[in-house]
Amino acid sequence: MVDWMLDALDMYKNQHEDKDVSFMHCYNKLQGCKKWNDLLHTLMKDGEDGPVDPAGASTGWPIGNKKAKAERNAVPILAAMDASIEKMITHSRWRTRKRRIGPSSCRRQSLASKT
């Protein structure tokens, strides 16, 4: 075995109350496979003794279906909220103008704009 593999096995044993690695038999079978060796070569940096973290391994789990759907559906909700806010602002301006001018003149202006 390679030095870094022996170091990793010793570190595992020290961290897990002197237990041996449970899946060494799997590693022994995978060790000669081309796909496994290709993966190891991609994980190894040139000039280093041990493997590095694969890309994205430290970022955690990918988002699930529910969260993806919520993010996808959030955009139309925001657009609907914007339209509703615009409608409230327009209505507020109309009511303010109605209070200033008076109800009868607002009615005349709205009727004049329709024709």
C-alpha atoms as a PDB file:
ATOM      1  CA  MET A   1       0.000   0.000   0.000  1.00  0.00           C
ATOM      2  CA  VAL A   2       0.941   3.618  -0.507  1.00  0.00           C
ATOM      3  CA  ASP A   3       2.130   5.728   2.425  1.00  0.00           C
ATOM      4  CA  TRP A   4      -0.897   8.008   2.318  1.00  0.00           C
ATOM      5  CA  MET A   5      -3.208   4.971   2.444  1.00  0.00           C
ATOM      6  CA  LEU A   6      -1.466   3.652   5.544  1.00  0.00           C
ATOM      7  CA  ASP A   7      -1.656   7.104   7.128  1.00  0.00           C
ATOM      8  CA  ALA A   8      -5.367   7.325   6.318  1.00  0.00           C
ATOM      9  CA  LEU A   9      -6.037   3.887   7.810  1.00  0.00           C
ATOM     10  CA  ASP A  10      -4.120   4.812  10.978  1.00  0.00           C
ATOM     11  CA  MET A  11      -5.997   8.103  11.258  1.00  0.00           C
ATOM     12  CA  TYR A  12      -9.339   6.296  10.869  1.00  0.00           C
ATOM     13  CA  LYS A  13      -8.344   3.782  13.527  1.00  0.00           C
ATOM     14  CA  ASN A  14      -7.350   6.540  15.961  1.00  0.00           C
ATOM     15  CA  GLN A  15     -10.565   8.503  15.420  1.00  0.00           C
ATOM     16  CA  HIS A  16     -12.901   5.487  15.691  1.00  0.00           C
ATOM     17  CA  GLU A  17     -11.767   3.819  18.906  1.00  0.00           C
ATOM     18  CA  ASP A  18      -9.288   1.403  17.288  1.00  0.00           C
ATOM     19  CA  LYS A  19     -11.826   0.005  14.793  1.00  0.00           C
ATOM     20  CA  ASP A  20     -10.548  -1.141  11.442  1.00  0.00           C
ATOM     21  CA  VAL A  21     -12.007   0.183   8.219  1.00  0.00           C
ATOM     22  CA  SER A  22     -15.115  -1.907   7.474  1.00  0.00           C
ATOM     23  CA  PHE A  23     -14.991  -1.725   3.692  1.00  0.00           C
ATOM     24  CA  MET A  24     -11.382  -2.632   2.900  1.00  0.00           C
ATOM     25  CA  HIS A  25     -12.613  -5.680   0.978  1.00  0.00           C
ATOM     26  CA  CYS A  26     -14.520  -3.306  -1.349  1.00  0.00           C
ATOM     27  CA  TYR A  27     -11.435  -1.178  -1.843  1.00  0.00           C
ATOM     28  CA  ASN A  28      -9.369  -4.268  -2.622  1.00  0.00           C
ATOM     29  CA  LYS A  29     -11.825  -5.265  -5.366  1.00  0.00           C
ATOM     30  CA  LEU A  30     -12.054  -1.740  -6.787  1.00  0.00           C
ATOM     31  CA  GLN A  31      -8.328  -1.167  -6.734  1.00  0.00           C
ATOM     32  CA  GLY A  32      -7.700  -2.909 -10.065  1.00  0.00           C
ATOM     33  CA  CYS A  33     -10.705  -1.467 -11.939  1.00  0.00           C
ATOM     34  CA  LYS A  34     -10.034   1.086 -14.674  1.00  0.00           C
ATOM     35  CA  LYS A  35     -12.935   3.344 -13.635  1.00  0.00           C
ATOM     36  CA  TRP A  36     -11.648   3.485 -10.052  1.00  0.00           C
ATOM     37  CA  ASN A  37      -8.096   4.225 -11.186  1.00  0.00           C
ATOM     38  CA  ASP A  38      -9.364   6.999 -13.480  1.00  0.00           C
ATOM     39  CA  LEU A  39     -11.220   8.512 -10.542  1.00  0.00           C
ATOM     40  CA  LEU A  40      -8.127   8.355  -8.352  1.00  0.00           C
ATOM     41  CA  HIS A  41      -6.039  10.022 -11.051  1.00  0.00           C
ATOM     42  CA  THR A  42      -8.526  12.884 -11.295  1.00  0.00           C
ATOM     43  CA  LEU A  43      -8.455  13.300  -7.514  1.00  0.00           C
ATOM     44  CA  MET A  44      -4.684  13.317  -7.259  1.00  0.00           C
ATOM     45  CA  LYS A  45      -2.842  16.571  -7.734  1.00  0.00           C
ATOM     46  CA  ASP A  46       0.480  16.519  -9.540  1.00  0.00           C
ATOM     47  CA  GLY A  47       3.350  16.324  -7.093  1.00  0.00           C
ATOM     48  CA  GLU A  48       1.252  15.546  -3.978  1.00  0.00           C
ATOM     49  CA  ASP A  49       1.231  12.366  -1.976  1.00  0.00           C
ATOM     50  CA  GLY A  50      -2.513  12.103  -1.310  1.00  0.00           C
ATOM     51  CA  PRO A  51      -5.872  12.642  -2.887  1.00  0.00           C
ATOM     52  CA  VAL A  52      -7.647  15.972  -2.741  1.00  0.00           C
ATOM     53  CA  ASP A  53     -11.355  16.601  -2.181  1.00  0.00           C
ATOM     54  CA  PRO A  54     -13.393  16.059  -5.321  1.00  0.00           C
ATOM     55  CA  ALA A  55     -15.047  19.155  -6.747  1.00  0.00           C
ATOM     56  CA  GLY A  56     -18.215  19.984  -4.845  1.00  0.00           C
ATOM     57  CA  ALA A  57     -17.668  17.501  -2.019  1.00  0.00           C
ATOM     58  CA  SER A  58     -17.447  20.222   0.611  1.00  0.00           C
ATOM     59  CA  THR A  59     -20.552  22.076  -0.590  1.00  0.00           C
ATOM     60  CA  GLY A  60     -22.975  19.592   0.975  1.00  0.00           C
ATOM     61  CA  TRP A  61     -26.075  17.921  -0.400  1.00  0.00           C
ATOM     62  CA  PRO A  62     -27.743  19.091  -3.601  1.00  0.00           C
ATOM     63  CA  ILE A  63     -31.103  20.789  -3.216  1.00  0.00           C
ATOM     64  CA  GLY A  64     -34.129  18.511  -3.152  1.00  0.00           C
ATOM     65  CA  ASN A  65     -37.243  18.431  -5.302  1.00  0.00           C
ATOM     66  CA  LYS A  66     -39.397  20.466  -2.917  1.00  0.00           C
ATOM     67  CA  LYS A  67     -36.844  23.266  -2.601  1.00  0.00           C
ATOM     68  CA  ALA A  68     -36.222  23.309  -6.365  1.00  0.00           C
ATOM     69  CA  LYS A  69     -39.967  23.595  -7.027  1.00  0.00           C
ATOM     70  CA  ALA A  70     -40.317  26.353  -4.437  1.00  0.00           C
ATOM     71  CA  GLU A  71     -37.479  28.326  -6.052  1.00  0.00           C
ATOM     72  CA  ARG A  72     -38.944  27.773  -9.513  1.00  0.00           C
ATOM     73  CA  ASN A  73     -42.432  28.867  -8.467  1.00  0.00           C
ATOM     74  CA  ALA A  74     -41.232  31.858  -6.427  1.00  0.00           C
ATOM     75  CA  VAL A  75     -40.687  34.023  -9.523  1.00  0.00           C
ATOM     76  CA  PRO A  76     -44.382  34.192 -10.618  1.00  0.00           C
ATOM     77  CA  ILE A  77     -45.418  34.939  -7.040  1.00  0.00           C
ATOM     78  CA  LEU A  78     -43.067  37.925  -6.953  1.00  0.00           C
ATOM     79  CA  ALA A  79     -44.421  39.167 -10.277  1.00  0.00           C
ATOM     80  CA  ALA A  80     -47.992  38.869  -8.964  1.00  0.00           C
ATOM     81  CA  MET A  81     -47.003  40.748  -5.815  1.00  0.00           C
ATOM     82  CA  ASP A  82     -45.454  43.534  -7.905  1.00  0.00           C
ATOM     83  CA  ALA A  83     -48.656  43.845  -9.954  1.00  0.00           C
ATOM     84  CA  SER A  84     -50.738  43.927  -6.775  1.00  0.00           C
ATOM     85  CA  ILE A  85     -48.524  46.611  -5.231  1.00  0.00           C
ATOM     86  CA  GLU A  86     -48.751  48.701  -8.408  1.00  0.00           C
ATOM     87  CA  LYS A  87     -52.543  48.391  -8.287  1.00  0.00           C
ATOM     88  CA  MET A  88     -52.595  49.489  -4.637  1.00  0.00           C
ATOM     89  CA  ILE A  89     -50.375  52.490  -5.390  1.00  0.00           C
ATOM     90  CA  THR A  90     -52.596  53.520  -8.296  1.00  0.00           C
ATOM     91  CA  HIS A  91     -55.698  53.153  -6.144  1.00  0.00           C
ATOM     92  CA  SER A  92     -54.075  55.136  -3.320  1.00  0.00           C
ATOM     93  CA  ARG A  93     -53.198  57.976  -5.700  1.00  0.00           C
ATOM     94  CA  TRP A  94     -56.735  57.975  -7.065  1.00  0.00           C
ATOM     95  CA  ARG A  95     -58.222  58.162  -3.534  1.00  0.00           C
ATOM     96  CA  THR A  96     -55.836  60.973  -2.588  1.00  0.00           C
ATOM     97  CA  ARG A  97     -56.817  62.918  -5.692  1.00  0.00           C
ATOM     98  CA  LYS A  98     -60.477  62.209  -4.988  1.00  0.00           C
ATOM     99  CA  ARG A  99     -60.147  63.673  -1.482  1.00  0.00           C
ATOM    100  CA  ARG A 100     -58.392  66.794  -2.765  1.00  0.00           C
ATOM    101  CA  ILE A 101     -60.642  67.532  -5.720  1.00  0.00           C
ATOM    102  CA  GLY A 102     -63.925  66.082  -4.499  1.00  0.00           C
ATOM    103  CA  PRO A 103     -65.966  63.066  -5.515  1.00  0.00           C
ATOM    104  CA  SER A 104     -68.035  64.680  -8.241  1.00  0.00           C
ATOM    105  CA  SER A 105     -65.092  66.045 -10.237  1.00  0.00           C
ATOM    106  CA  CYS A 106     -63.255  62.691 -10.075  1.00  0.00           C
ATOM    107  CA  ARG A 107     -66.311  60.999 -11.462  1.00  0.00           C
ATOM    108  CA  ARG A 108     -66.450  63.517 -14.304  1.00  0.00           C
ATOM    109  CA  GLN A 109     -62.738  63.008 -15.044  1.00  0.00           C
ATOM    110  CA  SER A 110     -63.077  59.207 -15.096  1.00  0.00           C
ATOM    111  CA  LEU A 111     -66.124  59.410 -17.369  1.00  0.00           C
ATOM    112  CA  ALA A 112     -64.305  61.834 -19.670  1.00  0.00           C
ATOM    113  CA  SER A 113     -61.289  59.536 -19.953  1.00  0.00           C
ATOM    114  CA  LYS A 114     -63.498  56.550 -20.911  1.00  0.00           C
ATOM    115  CA  THR A 115     -65.090  58.327 -23.873  1.00  0.00           C
END
